[in-house]
Amino acid sequence: MAGSHHEWWDGNKRGYPLGTSGNDIPLSARIMAVADVFDALTAKRISKEPLPFKKSVKIIQAERGTHFDPIIVDAFVDSIDEVKAAFKEFEATNPYNAKE
């Protein structure tokens, strides 16, 4: 999972160059890829401010089929109410995260 979650669904070499794509990327890594990028987008980092929740979701959707497995993105979007609830719960305990 850790070694594969930077692979791109379409095989683009912008991630770690393991040469895997599509269903050759372990399912756990495809799920982790979406979660990792969403976290990176919505979290404050030394080099950047957090992006808003809605903008971060739009970025994930825009990379459906290129960076991310379309089925994983669809599941993420279909579960957006649960994602939002978890995000708000975490946000309440972490003042550095993005605002709604």
PDB file of N, CA and C in Angstrom:
ATOM      1  N   MET A   1       0.833  -1.184   0.000  1.00  0.00           N
ATOM      2  CA  MET A   1       0.000   0.000   0.000  1.00  0.00           C
ATOM      3  C   MET A   1       0.878   1.249   0.000  1.00  0.00           C
ATOM      4  N   ALA A   2       1.817   1.311   0.929  1.00  0.00           N
ATOM      5  CA  ALA A   2       2.675   2.492   1.016  1.00  0.00           C
ATOM      6  C   ALA A   2       3.524   2.655  -0.239  1.00  0.00           C
ATOM      7  N   GLY A   3       3.986   1.560  -0.792  1.00  0.00           N
ATOM      8  CA  GLY A   3       4.856   1.636  -1.955  1.00  0.00           C
ATOM      9  C   GLY A   3       4.144   1.878  -3.267  1.00  0.00           C
ATOM     10  N   SER A   4       2.832   1.708  -3.289  1.00  0.00           N
ATOM     11  CA  SER A   4       2.087   1.812  -4.543  1.00  0.00           C
ATOM     12  C   SER A   4       1.111   2.970  -4.619  1.00  0.00           C
ATOM     13  N   HIS A   5       0.880   3.667  -3.536  1.00  0.00           N
ATOM     14  CA  HIS A   5      -0.201   4.658  -3.559  1.00  0.00           C
ATOM     15  C   HIS A   5       0.128   5.926  -4.340  1.00  0.00           C
ATOM     16  N   HIS A   6       1.353   6.057  -4.807  1.00  0.00           N
ATOM     17  CA  HIS A   6       1.704   7.203  -5.651  1.00  0.00           C
ATOM     18  C   HIS A   6       1.633   6.884  -7.141  1.00  0.00           C
ATOM     19  N   GLU A   7       1.315   5.637  -7.463  1.00  0.00           N
ATOM     20  CA  GLU A   7       1.131   5.277  -8.868  1.00  0.00           C
ATOM     21  C   GLU A   7      -0.122   5.955  -9.402  1.00  0.00           C
ATOM     22  N   TRP A   8      -0.105   6.275 -10.672  1.00  0.00           N
ATOM     23  CA  TRP A   8      -1.263   6.901 -11.313  1.00  0.00           C
ATOM     24  C   TRP A   8      -2.079   5.830 -12.023  1.00  0.00           C
ATOM     25  N   TRP A   9      -3.389   5.946 -11.938  1.00  0.00           N
ATOM     26  CA  TRP A   9      -4.300   5.004 -12.552  1.00  0.00           C
ATOM     27  C   TRP A   9      -3.992   4.797 -14.023  1.00  0.00           C
ATOM     28  N   ASP A  10      -3.717   5.896 -14.733  1.00  0.00           N
ATOM     29  CA  ASP A  10      -3.475   5.801 -16.175  1.00  0.00           C
ATOM     30  C   ASP A  10      -2.032   5.450 -16.530  1.00  0.00           C
ATOM     31  N   GLY A  11      -1.200   5.172 -15.509  1.00  0.00           N
ATOM     32  CA  GLY A  11       0.178   4.776 -15.763  1.00  0.00           C
ATOM     33  C   GLY A  11       1.152   5.920 -15.894  1.00  0.00           C
ATOM     34  N   ASN A  12       0.670   7.141 -15.714  1.00  0.00           N
ATOM     35  CA  ASN A  12       1.555   8.302 -15.792  1.00  0.00           C
ATOM     36  C   ASN A  12       2.684   8.139 -14.785  1.00  0.00           C
ATOM     37  N   LYS A  13       3.870   8.529 -15.139  1.00  0.00           N
ATOM     38  CA  LYS A  13       5.048   8.319 -14.295  1.00  0.00           C
ATOM     39  C   LYS A  13       5.303   9.439 -13.297  1.00  0.00           C
ATOM     40  N   ARG A  14       4.296  10.265 -12.988  1.00  0.00           N
ATOM     41  CA  ARG A  14       4.503  11.338 -12.015  1.00  0.00           C
ATOM     42  C   ARG A  14       4.603  10.818 -10.577  1.00  0.00           C
ATOM     43  N   GLY A  15       4.184   9.592 -10.332  1.00  0.00           N
ATOM     44  CA  GLY A  15       4.297   9.009  -9.006  1.00  0.00           C
ATOM     45  C   GLY A  15       5.581   8.206  -8.916  1.00  0.00           C
ATOM     46  N   TYR A  16       5.625   7.302  -7.985  1.00  0.00           N
ATOM     47  CA  TYR A  16       6.777   6.417  -7.929  1.00  0.00           C
ATOM     48  C   TYR A  16       6.758   5.539  -9.166  1.00  0.00           C
ATOM     49  N   PRO A  17       7.874   5.401  -9.831  1.00  0.00           N
ATOM     50  CA  PRO A  17       7.909   4.698 -11.120  1.00  0.00           C
ATOM     51  C   PRO A  17       7.972   3.167 -10.989  1.00  0.00           C
ATOM     52  N   LEU A  18       6.929   2.563 -10.409  1.00  0.00           N
ATOM     53  CA  LEU A  18       6.895   1.103 -10.324  1.00  0.00           C
ATOM     54  C   LEU A  18       6.417   0.483 -11.625  1.00  0.00           C
ATOM     55  N   GLY A  19       5.872   1.316 -12.494  1.00  0.00           N
ATOM     56  CA  GLY A  19       5.405   0.819 -13.772  1.00  0.00           C
ATOM     57  C   GLY A  19       4.048   0.139 -13.703  1.00  0.00           C
ATOM     58  N   THR A  20       3.315   0.377 -12.616  1.00  0.00           N
ATOM     59  CA  THR A  20       1.992  -0.219 -12.524  1.00  0.00           C
ATOM     60  C   THR A  20       0.928   0.804 -12.862  1.00  0.00           C
ATOM     61  N   SER A  21      -0.208   0.303 -13.278  1.00  0.00           N
ATOM     62  CA  SER A  21      -1.344   1.166 -13.596  1.00  0.00           C
ATOM     63  C   SER A  21      -2.611   0.347 -13.474  1.00  0.00           C
ATOM     64  N   GLY A  22      -3.730   1.035 -13.483  1.00  0.00           N
ATOM     65  CA  GLY A  22      -5.018   0.371 -13.455  1.00  0.00           C
ATOM     66  C   GLY A  22      -5.149  -0.628 -12.327  1.00  0.00           C
ATOM     67  N   ASN A  23      -5.756  -1.769 -12.640  1.00  0.00           N
ATOM     68  CA  ASN A  23      -5.996  -2.801 -11.637  1.00  0.00           C
ATOM     69  C   ASN A  23      -4.736  -3.509 -11.164  1.00  0.00           C
ATOM     70  N   ASP A  24      -3.588  -3.221 -11.786  1.00  0.00           N
ATOM     71  CA  ASP A  24      -2.325  -3.776 -11.291  1.00  0.00           C
ATOM     72  C   ASP A  24      -1.863  -3.064 -10.017  1.00  0.00           C
ATOM     73  N   ILE A  25      -2.408  -1.895  -9.754  1.00  0.00           N
ATOM     74  CA  ILE A  25      -2.139  -1.189  -8.492  1.00  0.00           C
ATOM     75  C   ILE A  25      -3.029  -1.858  -7.446  1.00  0.00           C
ATOM     76  N   PRO A  26      -2.469  -2.267  -6.308  1.00  0.00           N
ATOM     77  CA  PRO A  26      -3.308  -2.904  -5.290  1.00  0.00           C
ATOM     78  C   PRO A  26      -4.492  -2.010  -4.891  1.00  0.00           C
ATOM     79  N   LEU A  27      -5.639  -2.646  -4.665  1.00  0.00           N
ATOM     80  CA  LEU A  27      -6.838  -1.903  -4.301  1.00  0.00           C
ATOM     81  C   LEU A  27      -6.594  -1.001  -3.093  1.00  0.00           C
ATOM     82  N   SER A  28      -5.902  -1.518  -2.087  1.00  0.00           N
ATOM     83  CA  SER A  28      -5.632  -0.712  -0.890  1.00  0.00           C
ATOM     84  C   SER A  28      -4.851   0.544  -1.239  1.00  0.00           C
ATOM     85  N   ALA A  29      -3.931   0.457  -2.182  1.00  0.00           N
ATOM     86  CA  ALA A  29      -3.139   1.620  -2.593  1.00  0.00           C
ATOM     87  C   ALA A  29      -3.982   2.602  -3.391  1.00  0.00           C
ATOM     88  N   ARG A  30      -4.927   2.102  -4.191  1.00  0.00           N
ATOM     89  CA  ARG A  30      -5.811   2.998  -4.946  1.00  0.00           C
ATOM     90  C   ARG A  30      -6.721   3.783  -4.010  1.00  0.00           C
ATOM     91  N   ILE A  31      -7.175   3.134  -2.946  1.00  0.00           N
ATOM     92  CA  ILE A  31      -7.979   3.827  -1.934  1.00  0.00           C
ATOM     93  C   ILE A  31      -7.117   4.842  -1.197  1.00  0.00           C
ATOM     94  N   MET A  32      -5.925   4.411  -0.797  1.00  0.00           N
ATOM     95  CA  MET A  32      -5.016   5.296  -0.063  1.00  0.00           C
ATOM     96  C   MET A  32      -4.621   6.510  -0.896  1.00  0.00           C
ATOM     97  N   ALA A  33      -4.513   6.349  -2.195  1.00  0.00           N
ATOM     98  CA  ALA A  33      -4.130   7.461  -3.066  1.00  0.00           C
ATOM     99  C   ALA A  33      -5.127   8.611  -2.948  1.00  0.00           C
ATOM    100  N   VAL A  34      -6.414   8.287  -2.996  1.00  0.00           N
ATOM    101  CA  VAL A  34      -7.440   9.327  -2.880  1.00  0.00           C
ATOM    102  C   VAL A  34      -7.390   9.958  -1.490  1.00  0.00           C
ATOM    103  N   ALA A  35      -7.306   9.131  -0.458  1.00  0.00           N
ATOM    104  CA  ALA A  35      -7.258   9.650   0.914  1.00  0.00           C
ATOM    105  C   ALA A  35      -6.026  10.519   1.141  1.00  0.00           C
ATOM    106  N   ASP A  36      -4.884  10.096   0.624  1.00  0.00           N
ATOM    107  CA  ASP A  36      -3.635  10.833   0.812  1.00  0.00           C
ATOM    108  C   ASP A  36      -3.683  12.197   0.127  1.00  0.00           C
ATOM    109  N   VAL A  37      -4.172  12.237  -1.094  1.00  0.00           N
ATOM    110  CA  VAL A  37      -4.241  13.509  -1.810  1.00  0.00           C
ATOM    111  C   VAL A  37      -5.282  14.424  -1.170  1.00  0.00           C
ATOM    112  N   PHE A  38      -6.422  13.865  -0.774  1.00  0.00           N
ATOM    113  CA  PHE A  38      -7.431  14.687  -0.098  1.00  0.00           C
ATOM    114  C   PHE A  38      -6.852  15.294   1.175  1.00  0.00           C
ATOM    115  N   ASP A  39      -6.138  14.492   1.946  1.00  0.00           N
ATOM    116  CA  ASP A  39      -5.499  15.005   3.163  1.00  0.00           C
ATOM    117  C   ASP A  39      -4.477  16.088   2.825  1.00  0.00           C
ATOM    118  N   ALA A  40      -3.666  15.861   1.817  1.00  0.00           N
ATOM    119  CA  ALA A  40      -2.649  16.847   1.431  1.00  0.00           C
ATOM    120  C   ALA A  40      -3.287  18.163   0.985  1.00  0.00           C
ATOM    121  N   LEU A  41      -4.401  18.069   0.282  1.00  0.00           N
ATOM    122  CA  LEU A  41      -5.072  19.279  -0.195  1.00  0.00           C
ATOM    123  C   LEU A  41      -5.701  20.070   0.950  1.00  0.00           C
ATOM    124  N   THR A  42      -6.300  19.373   1.905  1.00  0.00           N
ATOM    125  CA  THR A  42      -7.064  20.054   2.952  1.00  0.00           C
ATOM    126  C   THR A  42      -6.247  20.393   4.191  1.00  0.00           C
ATOM    127  N   ALA A  43      -5.032  19.919   4.265  1.00  0.00           N
ATOM    128  CA  ALA A  43      -4.197  20.167   5.445  1.00  0.00           C
ATOM    129  C   ALA A  43      -3.250  21.344   5.221  1.00  0.00           C
ATOM    130  N   LYS A  44      -3.033  22.084   6.277  1.00  0.00           N
ATOM    131  CA  LYS A  44      -2.036  23.146   6.238  1.00  0.00           C
ATOM    132  C   LYS A  44      -0.662  22.485   6.277  1.00  0.00           C
ATOM    133  N   ARG A  45       0.213  22.960   5.434  1.00  0.00           N
ATOM    134  CA  ARG A  45       1.594  22.472   5.395  1.00  0.00           C
ATOM    135  C   ARG A  45       2.508  23.679   5.526  1.00  0.00           C
ATOM    136  N   ILE A  46       3.743  23.442   5.786  1.00  0.00           N
ATOM    137  CA  ILE A  46       4.709  24.536   5.916  1.00  0.00           C
ATOM    138  C   ILE A  46       4.714  25.390   4.660  1.00  0.00           C
ATOM    139  N   SER A  47       4.560  24.750   3.512  1.00  0.00           N
ATOM    140  CA  SER A  47       4.670  25.437   2.230  1.00  0.00           C
ATOM    141  C   SER A  47       3.344  25.923   1.644  1.00  0.00           C
ATOM    142  N   LYS A  48       2.215  25.621   2.314  1.00  0.00           N
ATOM    143  CA  LYS A  48       0.933  26.014   1.720  1.00  0.00           C
ATOM    144  C   LYS A  48      -0.170  26.069   2.768  1.00  0.00           C
ATOM    145  N   GLU A  49      -1.181  26.841   2.428  1.00  0.00           N
ATOM    146  CA  GLU A  49      -2.386  26.911   3.244  1.00  0.00           C
ATOM    147  C   GLU A  49      -3.331  25.790   2.799  1.00  0.00           C
ATOM    148  N   PRO A  50      -4.245  25.371   3.655  1.00  0.00           N
ATOM    149  CA  PRO A  50      -5.190  24.324   3.248  1.00  0.00           C
ATOM    150  C   PRO A  50      -6.197  24.841   2.231  1.00  0.00           C
ATOM    151  N   LEU A  51      -6.600  23.971   1.336  1.00  0.00           N
ATOM    152  CA  LEU A  51      -7.659  24.316   0.393  1.00  0.00           C
ATOM    153  C   LEU A  51      -9.009  24.001   1.041  1.00  0.00           C
ATOM    154  N   PRO A  52     -10.052  24.704   0.637  1.00  0.00           N
ATOM    155  CA  PRO A  52     -11.388  24.398   1.154  1.00  0.00           C
ATOM    156  C   PRO A  52     -11.833  22.983   0.766  1.00  0.00           C
ATOM    157  N   PHE A  53     -12.708  22.429   1.577  1.00  0.00           N
ATOM    158  CA  PHE A  53     -13.243  21.079   1.375  1.00  0.00           C
ATOM    159  C   PHE A  53     -13.792  20.909  -0.039  1.00  0.00           C
ATOM    160  N   LYS A  54     -14.697  21.791  -0.451  1.00  0.00           N
ATOM    161  CA  LYS A  54     -15.350  21.650  -1.760  1.00  0.00           C
ATOM    162  C   LYS A  54     -14.354  21.713  -2.916  1.00  0.00           C
ATOM    163  N   LYS A  55     -13.386  22.609  -2.819  1.00  0.00           N
ATOM    164  CA  LYS A  55     -12.379  22.719  -3.877  1.00  0.00           C
ATOM    165  C   LYS A  55     -11.527  21.448  -3.932  1.00  0.00           C
ATOM    166  N   SER A  56     -11.210  20.898  -2.777  1.00  0.00           N
ATOM    167  CA  SER A  56     -10.420  19.673  -2.721  1.00  0.00           C
ATOM    168  C   SER A  56     -11.167  18.505  -3.356  1.00  0.00           C
ATOM    169  N   VAL A  57     -12.457  18.414  -3.104  1.00  0.00           N
ATOM    170  CA  VAL A  57     -13.276  17.361  -3.712  1.00  0.00           C
ATOM    171  C   VAL A  57     -13.294  17.535  -5.228  1.00  0.00           C
ATOM    172  N   LYS A  58     -13.419  18.755  -5.696  1.00  0.00           N
ATOM    173  CA  LYS A  58     -13.430  19.014  -7.145  1.00  0.00           C
ATOM    174  C   LYS A  58     -12.109  18.588  -7.797  1.00  0.00           C
ATOM    175  N   ILE A  59     -10.999  18.809  -7.107  1.00  0.00           N
ATOM    176  CA  ILE A  59      -9.695  18.392  -7.632  1.00  0.00           C
ATOM    177  C   ILE A  59      -9.632  16.872  -7.744  1.00  0.00           C
ATOM    178  N   ILE A  60     -10.108  16.175  -6.722  1.00  0.00           N
ATOM    179  CA  ILE A  60     -10.146  14.708  -6.769  1.00  0.00           C
ATOM    180  C   ILE A  60     -11.002  14.253  -7.960  1.00  0.00           C
ATOM    181  N   GLN A  61     -12.164  14.860  -8.119  1.00  0.00           N
ATOM    182  CA  GLN A  61     -13.058  14.493  -9.232  1.00  0.00           C
ATOM    183  C   GLN A  61     -12.405  14.775 -10.585  1.00  0.00           C
ATOM    184  N   ALA A  62     -11.677  15.864 -10.690  1.00  0.00           N
ATOM    185  CA  ALA A  62     -11.035  16.229 -11.957  1.00  0.00           C
ATOM    186  C   ALA A  62      -9.948  15.231 -12.351  1.00  0.00           C
ATOM    187  N   GLU A  63      -9.387  14.518 -11.382  1.00  0.00           N
ATOM    188  CA  GLU A  63      -8.319  13.564 -11.668  1.00  0.00           C
ATOM    189  C   GLU A  63      -8.827  12.118 -11.753  1.00  0.00           C
ATOM    190  N   ARG A  64     -10.154  11.979 -11.808  1.00  0.00           N
ATOM    191  CA  ARG A  64     -10.795  10.669 -11.978  1.00  0.00           C
ATOM    192  C   ARG A  64     -10.402  10.104 -13.348  1.00  0.00           C
ATOM    193  N   GLY A  65      -9.850   8.921 -13.335  1.00  0.00           N
ATOM    194  CA  GLY A  65      -9.475   8.267 -14.586  1.00  0.00           C
ATOM    195  C   GLY A  65      -8.061   8.568 -15.044  1.00  0.00           C
ATOM    196  N   THR A  66      -7.419   9.546 -14.450  1.00  0.00           N
ATOM    197  CA  THR A  66      -6.016   9.817 -14.765  1.00  0.00           C
ATOM    198  C   THR A  66      -5.166   9.460 -13.544  1.00  0.00           C
ATOM    199  N   HIS A  67      -5.256  10.263 -12.515  1.00  0.00           N
ATOM    200  CA  HIS A  67      -4.511  10.000 -11.283  1.00  0.00           C
ATOM    201  C   HIS A  67      -5.168   8.879 -10.479  1.00  0.00           C
ATOM    202  N   PHE A  68      -6.499   8.874 -10.439  1.00  0.00           N
ATOM    203  CA  PHE A  68      -7.227   7.969  -9.559  1.00  0.00           C
ATOM    204  C   PHE A  68      -8.130   7.005 -10.307  1.00  0.00           C
ATOM    205  N   ASP A  69      -8.314   5.837  -9.696  1.00  0.00           N
ATOM    206  CA  ASP A  69      -9.260   4.828 -10.181  1.00  0.00           C
ATOM    207  C   ASP A  69     -10.662   5.449 -10.172  1.00  0.00           C
ATOM    208  N   PRO A  70     -11.355   5.439 -11.295  1.00  0.00           N
ATOM    209  CA  PRO A  70     -12.698   6.031 -11.348  1.00  0.00           C
ATOM    210  C   PRO A  70     -13.666   5.446 -10.325  1.00  0.00           C
ATOM    211  N   ILE A  71     -13.579   4.148 -10.069  1.00  0.00           N
ATOM    212  CA  ILE A  71     -14.490   3.517  -9.107  1.00  0.00           C
ATOM    213  C   ILE A  71     -14.230   4.031  -7.690  1.00  0.00           C
ATOM    214  N   ILE A  72     -12.978   4.264  -7.357  1.00  0.00           N
ATOM    215  CA  ILE A  72     -12.629   4.775  -6.021  1.00  0.00           C
ATOM    216  C   ILE A  72     -13.116   6.217  -5.881  1.00  0.00           C
ATOM    217  N   VAL A  73     -12.942   7.016  -6.915  1.00  0.00           N
ATOM    218  CA  VAL A  73     -13.428   8.402  -6.876  1.00  0.00           C
ATOM    219  C   VAL A  73     -14.949   8.404  -6.746  1.00  0.00           C
ATOM    220  N   ASP A  74     -15.617   7.548  -7.486  1.00  0.00           N
ATOM    221  CA  ASP A  74     -17.086   7.482  -7.399  1.00  0.00           C
ATOM    222  C   ASP A  74     -17.531   7.093  -5.987  1.00  0.00           C
ATOM    223  N   ALA A  75     -16.843   6.140  -5.366  1.00  0.00           N
ATOM    224  CA  ALA A  75     -17.176   5.731  -3.998  1.00  0.00           C
ATOM    225  C   ALA A  75     -16.928   6.878  -3.020  1.00  0.00           C
ATOM    226  N   PHE A  76     -15.837   7.606  -3.226  1.00  0.00           N
ATOM    227  CA  PHE A  76     -15.519   8.778  -2.392  1.00  0.00           C
ATOM    228  C   PHE A  76     -16.646   9.814  -2.495  1.00  0.00           C
ATOM    229  N   VAL A  77     -17.059  10.123  -3.714  1.00  0.00           N
ATOM    230  CA  VAL A  77     -18.112  11.121  -3.934  1.00  0.00           C
ATOM    231  C   VAL A  77     -19.461  10.607  -3.406  1.00  0.00           C
ATOM    232  N   ASP A  78     -19.745   9.336  -3.627  1.00  0.00           N
ATOM    233  CA  ASP A  78     -21.001   8.761  -3.124  1.00  0.00           C
ATOM    234  C   ASP A  78     -21.067   8.781  -1.596  1.00  0.00           C
ATOM    235  N   SER A  79     -19.911   8.807  -0.956  1.00  0.00           N
ATOM    236  CA  SER A  79     -19.832   8.817   0.512  1.00  0.00           C
ATOM    237  C   SER A  79     -19.517  10.203   1.057  1.00  0.00           C
ATOM    238  N   ILE A  80     -19.749  11.227   0.267  1.00  0.00           N
ATOM    239  CA  ILE A  80     -19.292  12.574   0.636  1.00  0.00           C
ATOM    240  C   ILE A  80     -19.905  13.067   1.941  1.00  0.00           C
ATOM    241  N   ASP A  81     -21.121  12.662   2.258  1.00  0.00           N
ATOM    242  CA  ASP A  81     -21.710  13.075   3.531  1.00  0.00           C
ATOM    243  C   ASP A  81     -20.918  12.513   4.706  1.00  0.00           C
ATOM    244  N   GLU A  82     -20.519  11.255   4.607  1.00  0.00           N
ATOM    245  CA  GLU A  82     -19.707  10.640   5.654  1.00  0.00           C
ATOM    246  C   GLU A  82     -18.312  11.263   5.697  1.00  0.00           C
ATOM    247  N   VAL A  83     -17.748  11.530   4.521  1.00  0.00           N
ATOM    248  CA  VAL A  83     -16.433  12.178   4.453  1.00  0.00           C
ATOM    249  C   VAL A  83     -16.509  13.553   5.121  1.00  0.00           C
ATOM    250  N   LYS A  84     -17.553  14.302   4.801  1.00  0.00           N
ATOM    251  CA  LYS A  84     -17.717  15.640   5.369  1.00  0.00           C
ATOM    252  C   LYS A  84     -17.864  15.569   6.893  1.00  0.00           C
ATOM    253  N   ALA A  85     -18.634  14.605   7.384  1.00  0.00           N
ATOM    254  CA  ALA A  85     -18.825  14.460   8.834  1.00  0.00           C
ATOM    255  C   ALA A  85     -17.495  14.136   9.525  1.00  0.00           C
ATOM    256  N   ALA A  86     -16.729  13.228   8.945  1.00  0.00           N
ATOM    257  CA  ALA A  86     -15.419  12.888   9.521  1.00  0.00           C
ATOM    258  C   ALA A  86     -14.475  14.085   9.454  1.00  0.00           C
ATOM    259  N   PHE A  87     -14.529  14.802   8.336  1.00  0.00           N
ATOM    260  CA  PHE A  87     -13.690  15.981   8.161  1.00  0.00           C
ATOM    261  C   PHE A  87     -14.009  17.027   9.232  1.00  0.00           C
ATOM    262  N   LYS A  88     -15.307  17.273   9.447  1.00  0.00           N
ATOM    263  CA  LYS A  88     -15.716  18.262  10.450  1.00  0.00           C
ATOM    264  C   LYS A  88     -15.306  17.831  11.852  1.00  0.00           C
ATOM    265  N   GLU A  89     -15.421  16.544  12.132  1.00  0.00           N
ATOM    266  CA  GLU A  89     -15.017  16.035  13.447  1.00  0.00           C
ATOM    267  C   GLU A  89     -13.517  16.238  13.654  1.00  0.00           C
ATOM    268  N   PHE A  90     -12.735  15.911  12.639  1.00  0.00           N
ATOM    269  CA  PHE A  90     -11.290  16.098  12.737  1.00  0.00           C
ATOM    270  C   PHE A  90     -10.944  17.581  12.799  1.00  0.00           C
ATOM    271  N   GLU A  91     -11.636  18.371  12.007  1.00  0.00           N
ATOM    272  CA  GLU A  91     -11.401  19.813  11.970  1.00  0.00           C
ATOM    273  C   GLU A  91     -11.580  20.429  13.356  1.00  0.00           C
ATOM    274  N   ALA A  92     -12.550  19.926  14.102  1.00  0.00           N
ATOM    275  CA  ALA A  92     -12.823  20.459  15.435  1.00  0.00           C
ATOM    276  C   ALA A  92     -11.651  20.229  16.384  1.00  0.00           C
ATOM    277  N   THR A  93     -10.854  19.211  16.128  1.00  0.00           N
ATOM    278  CA  THR A  93      -9.714  18.921  16.999  1.00  0.00           C
ATOM    279  C   THR A  93      -8.388  19.374  16.406  1.00  0.00           C
ATOM    280  N   ASN A  94      -8.402  19.862  15.169  1.00  0.00           N
ATOM    281  CA  ASN A  94      -7.173  20.273  14.503  1.00  0.00           C
ATOM    282  C   ASN A  94      -7.372  21.646  13.870  1.00  0.00           C
ATOM    283  N   PRO A  95      -6.938  22.694  14.527  1.00  0.00           N
ATOM    284  CA  PRO A  95      -7.167  24.048  14.024  1.00  0.00           C
ATOM    285  C   PRO A  95      -6.407  24.384  12.742  1.00  0.00           C
ATOM    286  N   TYR A  96      -5.517  23.527  12.303  1.00  0.00           N
ATOM    287  CA  TYR A  96      -4.738  23.812  11.101  1.00  0.00           C
ATOM    288  C   TYR A  96      -5.393  23.308   9.828  1.00  0.00           C
ATOM    289  N   ASN A  97      -6.480  22.576   9.935  1.00  0.00           N
ATOM    290  CA  ASN A  97      -7.132  22.052   8.735  1.00  0.00           C
ATOM    291  C   ASN A  97      -8.016  23.084   8.071  1.00  0.00           C
ATOM    292  N   ALA A  98      -8.395  22.770   6.824  1.00  0.00           N
ATOM    293  CA  ALA A  98      -9.206  23.673   6.014  1.00  0.00           C
ATOM    294  C   ALA A  98     -10.563  23.922   6.660  1.00  0.00           C
ATOM    295  N   LYS A  99     -11.123  25.044   6.331  1.00  0.00           N
ATOM    296  CA  LYS A  99     -12.475  25.386   6.782  1.00  0.00           C
ATOM    297  C   LYS A  99     -13.456  25.019   5.687  1.00  0.00           C
ATOM    298  N   GLU A 100     -14.685  24.772   6.087  1.00  0.00           N
ATOM    299  CA  GLU A 100     -15.756  24.406   5.147  1.00  0.00           C
ATOM    300  C   GLU A 100     -15.868  25.411   4.079  1.00  0.00           C
TER     301      GLU A 100
END
